[in-house]
């Protein structure tokens, strides 16, 4: 299916959210209603078109691809694709956003219309990152997710919201900047930002260079997962974030880290991935045990769910680090399980807080 379906799914929420920001705050009930209808429309289109679509010979359910522009002499493609690796994460994203809006309808007393508009913009960033097949395009969507989540935590969060939002931003940016340097270096050697071309060019690089580049990619994705011991931003972010932010953060954003390993890091650097797989597996086991033990000692429910997420995502990363078909399939299934169950848990926690205020 070569159409503009994916472009619509990616940019329609952003355009709708930007339009809703123009409404005065006194019309917040109308803005919230329009935001939910917009998110529900995206869900309906995605479900109707993608779930009944027939994959092509490459396993793609939908694809858009053309030359976009050139960056430092390297061609950049506008390449979007929905396939077996990202399909259910796309469906999870478009399902959770309207559900989150409905579940937090009365939970945001200050400027709720603006918060709902930011959720739509965040949805665009997440969907773009999931379907982007060109690495520079993926990087742009990856960074585009930061600001909406930063403001959701920093404006509508708890008493320590600014600290939590800044910590979230700094952790993510620190990994992203190193990754950008590695990305530009690899693309320069390959003459392309296409993962397949980059994977071929990487094979001609020295082994140590491949390892260094893989570490830069892996660090950015590991922070987002988050993989032990790079997880310290997550409990603070979940504790201070409003319910809507916590649901999306746990339900979708964390999955983009593990998705990055599956889609880009491992396929581009297979030899380095094999070399570091035992280390990744060890850190994953540490995350499973550490996250579970710390979760059992929490008295704050949001922190309990946050540390349990560290443990659950450890299982995901353990499956990926196994570099086996069944391990990868298990990781994908656990990503979906965690997205649904943890998102639902945060919605329940938010409802309890609205009633008990503690």
C-alpha atoms as a PDB file:
ATOM      1  CA  UNK A   1       0.000   0.000   0.000  1.00  0.00           C
ATOM      2  CA  UNK A   2       1.827   3.097  -1.256  1.00  0.00           C
ATOM      3  CA  UNK A   3      -0.327   5.979  -0.075  1.00  0.00           C
ATOM      4  CA  UNK A   4      -0.314   8.933   2.256  1.00  0.00           C
ATOM      5  CA  UNK A   5      -1.878   6.940   5.089  1.00  0.00           C
ATOM      6  CA  UNK A   6       1.218   7.028   7.287  1.00  0.00           C
ATOM      7  CA  UNK A   7       1.773  10.740   6.705  1.00  0.00           C
ATOM      8  CA  UNK A   8      -1.804  11.336   7.805  1.00  0.00           C
ATOM      9  CA  UNK A   9      -1.391   9.203  10.930  1.00  0.00           C
ATOM     10  CA  UNK A  10       1.851  10.950  11.874  1.00  0.00           C
ATOM     11  CA  UNK A  11       1.018  14.583  11.200  1.00  0.00           C
ATOM     12  CA  UNK A  12      -2.756  14.793  11.697  1.00  0.00           C
ATOM     13  CA  UNK A  13      -2.494  14.678  15.530  1.00  0.00           C
ATOM     14  CA  UNK A  14       0.169  17.409  15.505  1.00  0.00           C
ATOM     15  CA  UNK A  15      -1.845  19.659  13.197  1.00  0.00           C
ATOM     16  CA  UNK A  16      -5.014  19.085  15.236  1.00  0.00           C
ATOM     17  CA  UNK A  17      -3.179  19.766  18.495  1.00  0.00           C
ATOM     18  CA  UNK A  18      -1.603  22.948  17.114  1.00  0.00           C
ATOM     19  CA  UNK A  19      -5.042  24.135  16.021  1.00  0.00           C
ATOM     20  CA  UNK A  20      -6.502  23.443  19.466  1.00  0.00           C
ATOM     21  CA  UNK A  21      -3.769  25.555  21.080  1.00  0.00           C
ATOM     22  CA  UNK A  22      -5.344  28.576  19.381  1.00  0.00           C
ATOM     23  CA  UNK A  23      -8.567  28.181  21.369  1.00  0.00           C
ATOM     24  CA  UNK A  24      -8.912  30.339  24.504  1.00  0.00           C
ATOM     25  CA  UNK A  25      -8.639  28.423  27.768  1.00  0.00           C
ATOM     26  CA  UNK A  26     -12.207  29.305  28.730  1.00  0.00           C
ATOM     27  CA  UNK A  27     -13.257  26.887  26.000  1.00  0.00           C
ATOM     28  CA  UNK A  28     -11.328  24.028  27.612  1.00  0.00           C
ATOM     29  CA  UNK A  29     -14.315  21.609  27.669  1.00  0.00           C
ATOM     30  CA  UNK A  30     -14.762  22.054  23.921  1.00  0.00           C
ATOM     31  CA  UNK A  31     -11.016  21.694  23.327  1.00  0.00           C
ATOM     32  CA  UNK A  32     -10.905  18.468  25.339  1.00  0.00           C
ATOM     33  CA  UNK A  33     -13.860  17.069  23.405  1.00  0.00           C
ATOM     34  CA  UNK A  34     -12.278  17.962  20.075  1.00  0.00           C
ATOM     35  CA  UNK A  35      -8.960  16.452  21.202  1.00  0.00           C
ATOM     36  CA  UNK A  36     -10.625  13.154  22.108  1.00  0.00           C
ATOM     37  CA  UNK A  37     -12.523  13.094  18.818  1.00  0.00           C
ATOM     38  CA  UNK A  38      -9.309  13.770  16.908  1.00  0.00           C
ATOM     39  CA  UNK A  39      -7.414  11.017  18.731  1.00  0.00           C
ATOM     40  CA  UNK A  40     -10.336   8.620  18.252  1.00  0.00           C
ATOM     41  CA  UNK A  41     -10.360   9.437  14.541  1.00  0.00           C
ATOM     42  CA  UNK A  42      -6.677   8.565  14.244  1.00  0.00           C
ATOM     43  CA  UNK A  43      -7.361   5.285  16.078  1.00  0.00           C
ATOM     44  CA  UNK A  44     -10.231   4.450  13.735  1.00  0.00           C
ATOM     45  CA  UNK A  45      -8.191   5.150  10.597  1.00  0.00           C
ATOM     46  CA  UNK A  46      -5.174   3.197  11.856  1.00  0.00           C
ATOM     47  CA  UNK A  47      -7.236   0.190  12.894  1.00  0.00           C
ATOM     48  CA  UNK A  48      -9.344   0.151   9.731  1.00  0.00           C
ATOM     49  CA  UNK A  49      -6.470   0.557   7.281  1.00  0.00           C
ATOM     50  CA  UNK A  50      -3.535  -1.225   8.919  1.00  0.00           C
ATOM     51  CA  UNK A  51      -5.211  -4.204  10.572  1.00  0.00           C
ATOM     52  CA  UNK A  52      -6.977  -5.286   7.396  1.00  0.00           C
ATOM     53  CA  UNK A  53      -4.103  -4.448   5.044  1.00  0.00           C
ATOM     54  CA  UNK A  54      -2.214  -7.079   3.068  1.00  0.00           C
ATOM     55  CA  UNK A  55       1.600  -7.001   3.368  1.00  0.00           C
ATOM     56  CA  UNK A  56       3.724  -6.726   0.238  1.00  0.00           C
ATOM     57  CA  UNK A  57       6.672  -8.994  -0.595  1.00  0.00           C
ATOM     58  CA  UNK A  58       8.804  -7.098   1.949  1.00  0.00           C
ATOM     59  CA  UNK A  59       6.208  -7.539   4.683  1.00  0.00           C
ATOM     60  CA  UNK A  60       5.167  -3.876   4.593  1.00  0.00           C
ATOM     61  CA  UNK A  61       1.533  -2.997   5.185  1.00  0.00           C
ATOM     62  CA  UNK A  62       2.002   0.612   4.096  1.00  0.00           C
ATOM     63  CA  UNK A  63       4.992   2.511   2.765  1.00  0.00           C
ATOM     64  CA  UNK A  64       5.867   6.033   1.639  1.00  0.00           C
ATOM     65  CA  UNK A  65       9.290   6.741   0.224  1.00  0.00           C
ATOM     66  CA  UNK A  66      10.865   9.584  -1.737  1.00  0.00           C
ATOM     67  CA  UNK A  67      13.974  11.770  -1.689  1.00  0.00           C
ATOM     68  CA  UNK A  68      13.520  14.580   0.838  1.00  0.00           C
ATOM     69  CA  UNK A  69      16.682  16.697   0.945  1.00  0.00           C
ATOM     70  CA  UNK A  70      20.448  16.368   1.333  1.00  0.00           C
ATOM     71  CA  UNK A  71      22.270  16.974   4.620  1.00  0.00           C
ATOM     72  CA  UNK A  72      26.030  17.654   4.318  1.00  0.00           C
ATOM     73  CA  UNK A  73      25.917  15.982   0.934  1.00  0.00           C
ATOM     74  CA  UNK A  74      24.124  12.868   2.197  1.00  0.00           C
ATOM     75  CA  UNK A  75      20.642  12.187   0.768  1.00  0.00           C
ATOM     76  CA  UNK A  76      17.831  12.024   3.309  1.00  0.00           C
ATOM     77  CA  UNK A  77      14.728  10.053   2.416  1.00  0.00           C
ATOM     78  CA  UNK A  78      11.208  10.591   3.625  1.00  0.00           C
ATOM     79  CA  UNK A  79      10.700   6.895   4.252  1.00  0.00           C
ATOM     80  CA  UNK A  80       7.808   5.694   6.388  1.00  0.00           C
ATOM     81  CA  UNK A  81       6.736   2.082   6.681  1.00  0.00           C
ATOM     82  CA  UNK A  82       4.370  -0.034   8.758  1.00  0.00           C
ATOM     83  CA  UNK A  83       5.391  -3.669   9.117  1.00  0.00           C
ATOM     84  CA  UNK A  84       5.302  -6.558  11.552  1.00  0.00           C
ATOM     85  CA  UNK A  85       7.868  -4.967  13.850  1.00  0.00           C
ATOM     86  CA  UNK A  86       6.037  -1.706  14.489  1.00  0.00           C
ATOM     87  CA  UNK A  87       2.396  -2.459  13.640  1.00  0.00           C
ATOM     88  CA  UNK A  88       1.200  -3.378  17.115  1.00  0.00           C
ATOM     89  CA  UNK A  89       3.193  -0.589  18.743  1.00  0.00           C
ATOM     90  CA  UNK A  90       1.442   1.845  16.395  1.00  0.00           C
ATOM     91  CA  UNK A  91      -1.932   0.370  17.360  1.00  0.00           C
ATOM     92  CA  UNK A  92      -0.963   0.534  21.052  1.00  0.00           C
ATOM     93  CA  UNK A  93      -0.068   4.217  20.674  1.00  0.00           C
ATOM     94  CA  UNK A  94      -3.246   5.294  18.906  1.00  0.00           C
ATOM     95  CA  UNK A  95      -5.286   3.254  21.415  1.00  0.00           C
ATOM     96  CA  UNK A  96      -3.683   4.644  24.571  1.00  0.00           C
ATOM     97  CA  UNK A  97      -3.872   8.341  23.660  1.00  0.00           C
ATOM     98  CA  UNK A  98      -7.694   8.706  23.489  1.00  0.00           C
ATOM     99  CA  UNK A  99      -8.055   6.305  26.428  1.00  0.00           C
ATOM    100  CA  UNK A 100      -5.686   8.482  28.458  1.00  0.00           C
ATOM    101  CA  UNK A 101      -7.672  11.594  27.605  1.00  0.00           C
ATOM    102  CA  UNK A 102     -10.925   9.998  28.716  1.00  0.00           C
ATOM    103  CA  UNK A 103      -9.344   8.565  31.867  1.00  0.00           C
ATOM    104  CA  UNK A 104      -7.902  11.935  32.911  1.00  0.00           C
ATOM    105  CA  UNK A 105     -10.826  14.095  31.798  1.00  0.00           C
ATOM    106  CA  UNK A 106     -11.131  15.878  35.157  1.00  0.00           C
ATOM    107  CA  UNK A 107      -7.591  15.299  36.449  1.00  0.00           C
ATOM    108  CA  UNK A 108      -5.977  18.432  35.023  1.00  0.00           C
ATOM    109  CA  UNK A 109      -7.508  21.473  36.744  1.00  0.00           C
ATOM    110  CA  UNK A 110      -5.152  24.011  35.145  1.00  0.00           C
ATOM    111  CA  UNK A 111      -5.256  24.565  31.390  1.00  0.00           C
ATOM    112  CA  UNK A 112      -6.528  21.073  30.542  1.00  0.00           C
ATOM    113  CA  UNK A 113      -7.112  22.035  26.916  1.00  0.00           C
ATOM    114  CA  UNK A 114      -3.435  22.853  26.453  1.00  0.00           C
ATOM    115  CA  UNK A 115      -2.429  19.549  28.056  1.00  0.00           C
ATOM    116  CA  UNK A 116      -4.700  17.584  25.711  1.00  0.00           C
ATOM    117  CA  UNK A 117      -3.264  19.457  22.720  1.00  0.00           C
ATOM    118  CA  UNK A 118       0.253  18.528  23.873  1.00  0.00           C
ATOM    119  CA  UNK A 119      -0.818  14.888  24.115  1.00  0.00           C
ATOM    120  CA  UNK A 120      -1.798  15.014  20.452  1.00  0.00           C
ATOM    121  CA  UNK A 121       1.558  16.533  19.516  1.00  0.00           C
ATOM    122  CA  UNK A 122       3.318  13.871  21.563  1.00  0.00           C
ATOM    123  CA  UNK A 123       1.323  11.224  19.695  1.00  0.00           C
ATOM    124  CA  UNK A 124       2.689  12.570  16.410  1.00  0.00           C
ATOM    125  CA  UNK A 125       6.265  12.284  17.644  1.00  0.00           C
ATOM    126  CA  UNK A 126       5.766   8.727  18.869  1.00  0.00           C
ATOM    127  CA  UNK A 127       4.054   7.555  15.682  1.00  0.00           C
ATOM    128  CA  UNK A 128       6.702   9.234  13.541  1.00  0.00           C
ATOM    129  CA  UNK A 129       9.501   7.506  15.428  1.00  0.00           C
ATOM    130  CA  UNK A 130       7.765   4.143  15.086  1.00  0.00           C
ATOM    131  CA  UNK A 131       7.216   4.262  11.323  1.00  0.00           C
ATOM    132  CA  UNK A 132      10.355   6.198  10.253  1.00  0.00           C
ATOM    133  CA  UNK A 133      12.792   4.038   8.286  1.00  0.00           C
ATOM    134  CA  UNK A 134      15.402   6.704   7.523  1.00  0.00           C
ATOM    135  CA  UNK A 135      17.657   7.182  10.546  1.00  0.00           C
ATOM    136  CA  UNK A 136      17.833  10.975  10.387  1.00  0.00           C
ATOM    137  CA  UNK A 137      14.052  11.117  10.132  1.00  0.00           C
ATOM    138  CA  UNK A 138      13.824   8.752  13.097  1.00  0.00           C
ATOM    139  CA  UNK A 139      16.196  10.996  15.047  1.00  0.00           C
ATOM    140  CA  UNK A 140      14.082  14.085  14.338  1.00  0.00           C
ATOM    141  CA  UNK A 141      10.925  12.378  15.591  1.00  0.00           C
ATOM    142  CA  UNK A 142      12.861  10.992  18.584  1.00  0.00           C
ATOM    143  CA  UNK A 143      13.811  14.515  19.644  1.00  0.00           C
ATOM    144  CA  UNK A 144      10.363  15.907  18.813  1.00  0.00           C
ATOM    145  CA  UNK A 145       8.875  13.741  21.572  1.00  0.00           C
ATOM    146  CA  UNK A 146      10.923  15.459  24.268  1.00  0.00           C
ATOM    147  CA  UNK A 147       9.289  18.884  24.481  1.00  0.00           C
ATOM    148  CA  UNK A 148       5.630  17.787  24.845  1.00  0.00           C
ATOM    149  CA  UNK A 149       6.565  15.307  27.583  1.00  0.00           C
ATOM    150  CA  UNK A 150       8.846  17.870  29.242  1.00  0.00           C
ATOM    151  CA  UNK A 151       5.989  20.372  29.465  1.00  0.00           C
ATOM    152  CA  UNK A 152       3.460  17.754  30.595  1.00  0.00           C
ATOM    153  CA  UNK A 153       5.718  16.886  33.531  1.00  0.00           C
ATOM    154  CA  UNK A 154       7.053  20.389  34.184  1.00  0.00           C
ATOM    155  CA  UNK A 155       3.726  22.249  34.060  1.00  0.00           C
ATOM    156  CA  UNK A 156       1.122  19.739  35.255  1.00  0.00           C
ATOM    157  CA  UNK A 157       3.278  17.582  37.547  1.00  0.00           C
ATOM    158  CA  UNK A 158       3.705  17.466  41.329  1.00  0.00           C
ATOM    159  CA  UNK A 159       5.678  19.648  43.698  1.00  0.00           C
ATOM    160  CA  UNK A 160       9.062  18.540  42.299  1.00  0.00           C
ATOM    161  CA  UNK A 161       7.885  18.673  38.695  1.00  0.00           C
ATOM    162  CA  UNK A 162      10.615  20.994  37.412  1.00  0.00           C
ATOM    163  CA  UNK A 163      13.364  18.805  38.833  1.00  0.00           C
ATOM    164  CA  UNK A 164      11.805  15.650  37.364  1.00  0.00           C
ATOM    165  CA  UNK A 165      11.183  17.258  33.968  1.00  0.00           C
ATOM    166  CA  UNK A 166      14.713  18.652  33.764  1.00  0.00           C
ATOM    167  CA  UNK A 167      16.224  15.307  34.780  1.00  0.00           C
ATOM    168  CA  UNK A 168      14.174  13.540  32.119  1.00  0.00           C
ATOM    169  CA  UNK A 169      15.294  16.061  29.496  1.00  0.00           C
ATOM    170  CA  UNK A 170      18.986  15.995  30.431  1.00  0.00           C
ATOM    171  CA  UNK A 171      19.216  12.203  30.570  1.00  0.00           C
ATOM    172  CA  UNK A 172      17.576  11.833  27.170  1.00  0.00           C
ATOM    173  CA  UNK A 173      19.553  14.630  25.530  1.00  0.00           C
ATOM    174  CA  UNK A 174      22.877  13.364  26.863  1.00  0.00           C
ATOM    175  CA  UNK A 175      22.348  10.040  25.138  1.00  0.00           C
ATOM    176  CA  UNK A 176      20.889  11.612  22.003  1.00  0.00           C
ATOM    177  CA  UNK A 177      23.812  13.973  21.383  1.00  0.00           C
ATOM    178  CA  UNK A 178      26.378  11.167  21.510  1.00  0.00           C
ATOM    179  CA  UNK A 179      24.130   9.083  19.287  1.00  0.00           C
ATOM    180  CA  UNK A 180      23.850  11.964  16.785  1.00  0.00           C
ATOM    181  CA  UNK A 181      27.637  12.141  16.455  1.00  0.00           C
ATOM    182  CA  UNK A 182      27.808   8.381  15.825  1.00  0.00           C
ATOM    183  CA  UNK A 183      24.881   8.591  13.410  1.00  0.00           C
ATOM    184  CA  UNK A 184      26.492  11.339  11.327  1.00  0.00           C
ATOM    185  CA  UNK A 185      29.826   9.498  11.288  1.00  0.00           C
ATOM    186  CA  UNK A 186      28.217   6.249  10.141  1.00  0.00           C
ATOM    187  CA  UNK A 187      26.075   8.016   7.543  1.00  0.00           C
ATOM    188  CA  UNK A 188      29.174   9.811   6.257  1.00  0.00           C
ATOM    189  CA  UNK A 189      30.914   6.487   5.694  1.00  0.00           C
ATOM    190  CA  UNK A 190      27.816   4.983   4.074  1.00  0.00           C
ATOM    191  CA  UNK A 191      26.725   8.035   2.088  1.00  0.00           C
ATOM    192  CA  UNK A 192      23.174   7.403   3.250  1.00  0.00           C
ATOM    193  CA  UNK A 193      20.921   7.433   6.302  1.00  0.00           C
ATOM    194  CA  UNK A 194      19.199   4.229   5.150  1.00  0.00           C
ATOM    195  CA  UNK A 195      19.805   1.456   7.729  1.00  0.00           C
ATOM    196  CA  UNK A 196      20.460  -1.198   5.079  1.00  0.00           C
ATOM    197  CA  UNK A 197      23.134   0.874   3.349  1.00  0.00           C
ATOM    198  CA  UNK A 198      24.681   1.815   6.691  1.00  0.00           C
ATOM    199  CA  UNK A 199      24.819  -1.841   7.739  1.00  0.00           C
ATOM    200  CA  UNK A 200      26.807  -2.707   4.612  1.00  0.00           C
ATOM    201  CA  UNK A 201      29.232   0.194   5.101  1.00  0.00           C
ATOM    202  CA  UNK A 202      29.802  -0.674   8.762  1.00  0.00           C
ATOM    203  CA  UNK A 203      31.246  -4.061   7.809  1.00  0.00           C
ATOM    204  CA  UNK A 204      34.243  -2.293   6.251  1.00  0.00           C
ATOM    205  CA  UNK A 205      35.049  -0.389   9.462  1.00  0.00           C
ATOM    206  CA  UNK A 206      37.568  -1.596  12.068  1.00  0.00           C
ATOM    207  CA  UNK A 207      36.099  -3.784  14.801  1.00  0.00           C
ATOM    208  CA  UNK A 208      36.846  -1.216  17.517  1.00  0.00           C
ATOM    209  CA  UNK A 209      35.116   1.510  15.515  1.00  0.00           C
ATOM    210  CA  UNK A 210      32.052  -0.679  15.083  1.00  0.00           C
ATOM    211  CA  UNK A 211      31.995  -1.295  18.831  1.00  0.00           C
ATOM    212  CA  UNK A 212      32.297   2.404  19.649  1.00  0.00           C
ATOM    213  CA  UNK A 213      29.496   3.342  17.271  1.00  0.00           C
ATOM    214  CA  UNK A 214      27.270   0.579  18.633  1.00  0.00           C
ATOM    215  CA  UNK A 215      27.851   1.813  22.195  1.00  0.00           C
ATOM    216  CA  UNK A 216      26.755   5.321  21.167  1.00  0.00           C
ATOM    217  CA  UNK A 217      23.562   3.970  19.599  1.00  0.00           C
ATOM    218  CA  UNK A 218      22.914   1.581  22.489  1.00  0.00           C
ATOM    219  CA  UNK A 219      23.432   4.249  25.151  1.00  0.00           C
ATOM    220  CA  UNK A 220      20.709   6.484  23.719  1.00  0.00           C
ATOM    221  CA  UNK A 221      18.259   3.589  23.476  1.00  0.00           C
ATOM    222  CA  UNK A 222      19.214   2.155  26.891  1.00  0.00           C
ATOM    223  CA  UNK A 223      18.466   5.489  28.586  1.00  0.00           C
ATOM    224  CA  UNK A 224      15.004   5.513  27.051  1.00  0.00           C
ATOM    225  CA  UNK A 225      14.215   1.867  27.995  1.00  0.00           C
ATOM    226  CA  UNK A 226      15.541   2.584  30.742  1.00  0.00           C
ATOM    227  CA  UNK A 227      18.142  -0.123  31.330  1.00  0.00           C
ATOM    228  CA  UNK A 228      19.872  -0.461  34.703  1.00  0.00           C
ATOM    229  CA  UNK A 229      21.863   1.568  35.806  1.00  0.00           C
ATOM    230  CA  UNK A 230      20.545   4.365  33.542  1.00  0.00           C
ATOM    231  CA  UNK A 231      17.073   4.200  35.044  1.00  0.00           C
ATOM    232  CA  UNK A 232      17.246   6.850  37.769  1.00  0.00           C
ATOM    233  CA  UNK A 233      15.254   9.458  35.839  1.00  0.00           C
ATOM    234  CA  UNK A 234      12.199   7.193  35.531  1.00  0.00           C
ATOM    235  CA  UNK A 235      10.966   6.982  39.178  1.00  0.00           C
ATOM    236  CA  UNK A 236      11.207  10.773  39.518  1.00  0.00           C
ATOM    237  CA  UNK A 237       9.411  11.340  36.219  1.00  0.00           C
ATOM    238  CA  UNK A 238       6.589   8.931  37.076  1.00  0.00           C
ATOM    239  CA  UNK A 239       6.187  10.255  40.615  1.00  0.00           C
ATOM    240  CA  UNK A 240       5.892  13.883  39.527  1.00  0.00           C
ATOM    241  CA  UNK A 241       4.153  13.477  36.171  1.00  0.00           C
ATOM    242  CA  UNK A 242       0.379  13.890  35.898  1.00  0.00           C
ATOM    243  CA  UNK A 243      -1.547  10.704  35.250  1.00  0.00           C
ATOM    244  CA  UNK A 244      -1.724  11.404  31.521  1.00  0.00           C
ATOM    245  CA  UNK A 245       2.047  11.788  31.331  1.00  0.00           C
ATOM    246  CA  UNK A 246       2.682   8.606  33.309  1.00  0.00           C
ATOM    247  CA  UNK A 247       0.351   6.531  31.131  1.00  0.00           C
ATOM    248  CA  UNK A 248       2.003   7.610  27.883  1.00  0.00           C
ATOM    249  CA  UNK A 249       5.508   7.460  29.344  1.00  0.00           C
ATOM    250  CA  UNK A 250       5.082   3.893  30.590  1.00  0.00           C
ATOM    251  CA  UNK A 251       2.785   2.728  27.812  1.00  0.00           C
ATOM    252  CA  UNK A 252       4.682   3.905  24.749  1.00  0.00           C
ATOM    253  CA  UNK A 253       7.786   6.043  25.319  1.00  0.00           C
ATOM    254  CA  UNK A 254       9.796   3.347  27.100  1.00  0.00           C
ATOM    255  CA  UNK A 255       9.071   0.935  24.248  1.00  0.00           C
ATOM    256  CA  UNK A 256      10.783   3.228  21.768  1.00  0.00           C
ATOM    257  CA  UNK A 257      14.111   2.470  23.435  1.00  0.00           C
ATOM    258  CA  UNK A 258      13.792  -1.283  22.991  1.00  0.00           C
ATOM    259  CA  UNK A 259      12.318  -0.718  19.525  1.00  0.00           C
ATOM    260  CA  UNK A 260      15.447   1.261  18.628  1.00  0.00           C
ATOM    261  CA  UNK A 261      17.592  -1.754  19.509  1.00  0.00           C
ATOM    262  CA  UNK A 262      15.468  -4.038  17.338  1.00  0.00           C
ATOM    263  CA  UNK A 263      15.022  -1.720  14.370  1.00  0.00           C
ATOM    264  CA  UNK A 264      18.412  -0.016  14.131  1.00  0.00           C
ATOM    265  CA  UNK A 265      21.196  -0.842  16.617  1.00  0.00           C
ATOM    266  CA  UNK A 266      21.284  -4.621  16.178  1.00  0.00           C
ATOM    267  CA  UNK A 267      20.699  -4.747  12.375  1.00  0.00           C
ATOM    268  CA  UNK A 268      23.274  -2.025  11.611  1.00  0.00           C
ATOM    269  CA  UNK A 269      25.953  -3.375  13.970  1.00  0.00           C
ATOM    270  CA  UNK A 270      25.346  -7.153  14.092  1.00  0.00           C
ATOM    271  CA  UNK A 271      28.919  -8.082  14.999  1.00  0.00           C
ATOM    272  CA  UNK A 272      29.176  -5.481  17.760  1.00  0.00           C
ATOM    273  CA  UNK A 273      25.719  -6.454  19.017  1.00  0.00           C
ATOM    274  CA  UNK A 274      26.831 -10.072  19.260  1.00  0.00           C
ATOM    275  CA  UNK A 275      29.982  -8.993  21.104  1.00  0.00           C
ATOM    276  CA  UNK A 276      28.070  -6.907  23.657  1.00  0.00           C
ATOM    277  CA  UNK A 277      25.018  -9.181  23.926  1.00  0.00           C
ATOM    278  CA  UNK A 278      26.276 -10.874  27.092  1.00  0.00           C
ATOM    279  CA  UNK A 279      26.793  -7.486  28.771  1.00  0.00           C
ATOM    280  CA  UNK A 280      23.306  -6.373  27.740  1.00  0.00           C
ATOM    281  CA  UNK A 281      21.865  -9.639  29.038  1.00  0.00           C
ATOM    282  CA  UNK A 282      23.662  -9.176  32.366  1.00  0.00           C
ATOM    283  CA  UNK A 283      22.360  -5.621  32.753  1.00  0.00           C
ATOM    284  CA  UNK A 284      18.883  -6.867  31.841  1.00  0.00           C
ATOM    285  CA  UNK A 285      18.987  -9.518  34.571  1.00  0.00           C
ATOM    286  CA  UNK A 286      20.221  -6.872  37.022  1.00  0.00           C
ATOM    287  CA  UNK A 287      17.286  -4.651  36.022  1.00  0.00           C
ATOM    288  CA  UNK A 288      14.820  -7.513  36.514  1.00  0.00           C
ATOM    289  CA  UNK A 289      16.046  -8.303  40.022  1.00  0.00           C
ATOM    290  CA  UNK A 290      16.840  -4.759  41.176  1.00  0.00           C
ATOM    291  CA  UNK A 291      13.582  -3.282  39.866  1.00  0.00           C
ATOM    292  CA  UNK A 292      11.492  -5.999  41.511  1.00  0.00           C
ATOM    293  CA  UNK A 293      13.258  -5.753  44.892  1.00  0.00           C
ATOM    294  CA  UNK A 294      13.052  -1.961  45.045  1.00  0.00           C
ATOM    295  CA  UNK A 295       9.412  -2.011  43.912  1.00  0.00           C
ATOM    296  CA  UNK A 296       8.498  -4.270  46.842  1.00  0.00           C
ATOM    297  CA  UNK A 297       9.870  -1.690  49.295  1.00  0.00           C
ATOM    298  CA  UNK A 298       7.944   1.305  47.969  1.00  0.00           C
ATOM    299  CA  UNK A 299       5.179   3.066  49.867  1.00  0.00           C
ATOM    300  CA  UNK A 300       4.344   5.367  46.943  1.00  0.00           C
ATOM    301  CA  UNK A 301       2.229   3.503  44.373  1.00  0.00           C
ATOM    302  CA  UNK A 302       3.576   5.487  41.414  1.00  0.00           C
ATOM    303  CA  UNK A 303       7.155   4.681  42.403  1.00  0.00           C
ATOM    304  CA  UNK A 304       6.169   1.045  42.847  1.00  0.00           C
ATOM    305  CA  UNK A 305       4.852   0.906  39.278  1.00  0.00           C
ATOM    306  CA  UNK A 306       7.903   2.833  38.034  1.00  0.00           C
ATOM    307  CA  UNK A 307      10.371   0.352  39.512  1.00  0.00           C
ATOM    308  CA  UNK A 308       8.256  -2.559  38.327  1.00  0.00           C
ATOM    309  CA  UNK A 309       8.585  -1.053  34.843  1.00  0.00           C
ATOM    310  CA  UNK A 310      12.369  -1.182  35.184  1.00  0.00           C
ATOM    311  CA  UNK A 311      12.009  -4.879  35.994  1.00  0.00           C
ATOM    312  CA  UNK A 312       9.547  -5.588  33.183  1.00  0.00           C
ATOM    313  CA  UNK A 313      11.632  -3.777  30.586  1.00  0.00           C
ATOM    314  CA  UNK A 314      14.570  -5.868  31.777  1.00  0.00           C
ATOM    315  CA  UNK A 315      12.686  -8.915  30.505  1.00  0.00           C
ATOM    316  CA  UNK A 316      12.204  -7.148  27.172  1.00  0.00           C
ATOM    317  CA  UNK A 317      15.903  -6.359  26.870  1.00  0.00           C
ATOM    318  CA  UNK A 318      16.863  -9.886  27.921  1.00  0.00           C
ATOM    319  CA  UNK A 319      14.816 -11.263  25.038  1.00  0.00           C
ATOM    320  CA  UNK A 320      16.429  -8.820  22.609  1.00  0.00           C
ATOM    321  CA  UNK A 321      19.934  -9.560  23.923  1.00  0.00           C
ATOM    322  CA  UNK A 322      19.386 -13.279  23.319  1.00  0.00           C
ATOM    323  CA  UNK A 323      19.517 -12.527  19.567  1.00  0.00           C
ATOM    324  CA  UNK A 324      17.131 -15.394  18.867  1.00  0.00           C
ATOM    325  CA  UNK A 325      13.820 -15.457  17.031  1.00  0.00           C
ATOM    326  CA  UNK A 326      11.853 -16.680  20.046  1.00  0.00           C
ATOM    327  CA  UNK A 327      13.587 -14.141  22.302  1.00  0.00           C
ATOM    328  CA  UNK A 328      12.695 -11.295  19.963  1.00  0.00           C
ATOM    329  CA  UNK A 329       9.104 -12.494  19.689  1.00  0.00           C
ATOM    330  CA  UNK A 330       8.884 -12.703  23.471  1.00  0.00           C
ATOM    331  CA  UNK A 331      10.313  -9.195  23.786  1.00  0.00           C
ATOM    332  CA  UNK A 332       7.705  -7.817  21.381  1.00  0.00           C
ATOM    333  CA  UNK A 333       4.898  -9.567  23.253  1.00  0.00           C
ATOM    334  CA  UNK A 334       6.164  -8.268  26.592  1.00  0.00           C
ATOM    335  CA  UNK A 335       6.368  -4.742  25.197  1.00  0.00           C
ATOM    336  CA  UNK A 336       2.682  -4.895  24.320  1.00  0.00           C
ATOM    337  CA  UNK A 337       1.765  -6.553  27.621  1.00  0.00           C
ATOM    338  CA  UNK A 338       3.647  -3.931  29.597  1.00  0.00           C
ATOM    339  CA  UNK A 339       2.188  -1.062  27.592  1.00  0.00           C
ATOM    340  CA  UNK A 340      -1.379  -2.165  28.257  1.00  0.00           C
ATOM    341  CA  UNK A 341      -1.020  -3.318  31.872  1.00  0.00           C
ATOM    342  CA  UNK A 342       1.165  -0.468  33.130  1.00  0.00           C
ATOM    343  CA  UNK A 343      -0.884   2.143  31.307  1.00  0.00           C
ATOM    344  CA  UNK A 344      -3.998   0.730  32.975  1.00  0.00           C
ATOM    345  CA  UNK A 345      -2.265   0.698  36.370  1.00  0.00           C
ATOM    346  CA  UNK A 346      -1.388   4.383  36.107  1.00  0.00           C
ATOM    347  CA  UNK A 347      -4.965   5.203  35.118  1.00  0.00           C
ATOM    348  CA  UNK A 348      -6.183   3.360  38.227  1.00  0.00           C
ATOM    349  CA  UNK A 349      -3.614   5.149  40.395  1.00  0.00           C
ATOM    350  CA  UNK A 350      -4.784   8.469  38.966  1.00  0.00           C
ATOM    351  CA  UNK A 351      -8.409   7.675  39.765  1.00  0.00           C
ATOM    352  CA  UNK A 352      -7.467   6.733  43.331  1.00  0.00           C
ATOM    353  CA  UNK A 353      -5.520   9.974  43.715  1.00  0.00           C
ATOM    354  CA  UNK A 354      -8.470  12.030  42.446  1.00  0.00           C
ATOM    355  CA  UNK A 355     -10.601  10.507  45.197  1.00  0.00           C
ATOM    356  CA  UNK A 356      -8.139  10.310  48.100  1.00  0.00           C
ATOM    357  CA  UNK A 357      -5.724  13.126  47.094  1.00  0.00           C
ATOM    358  CA  UNK A 358      -2.756  11.055  48.247  1.00  0.00           C
END
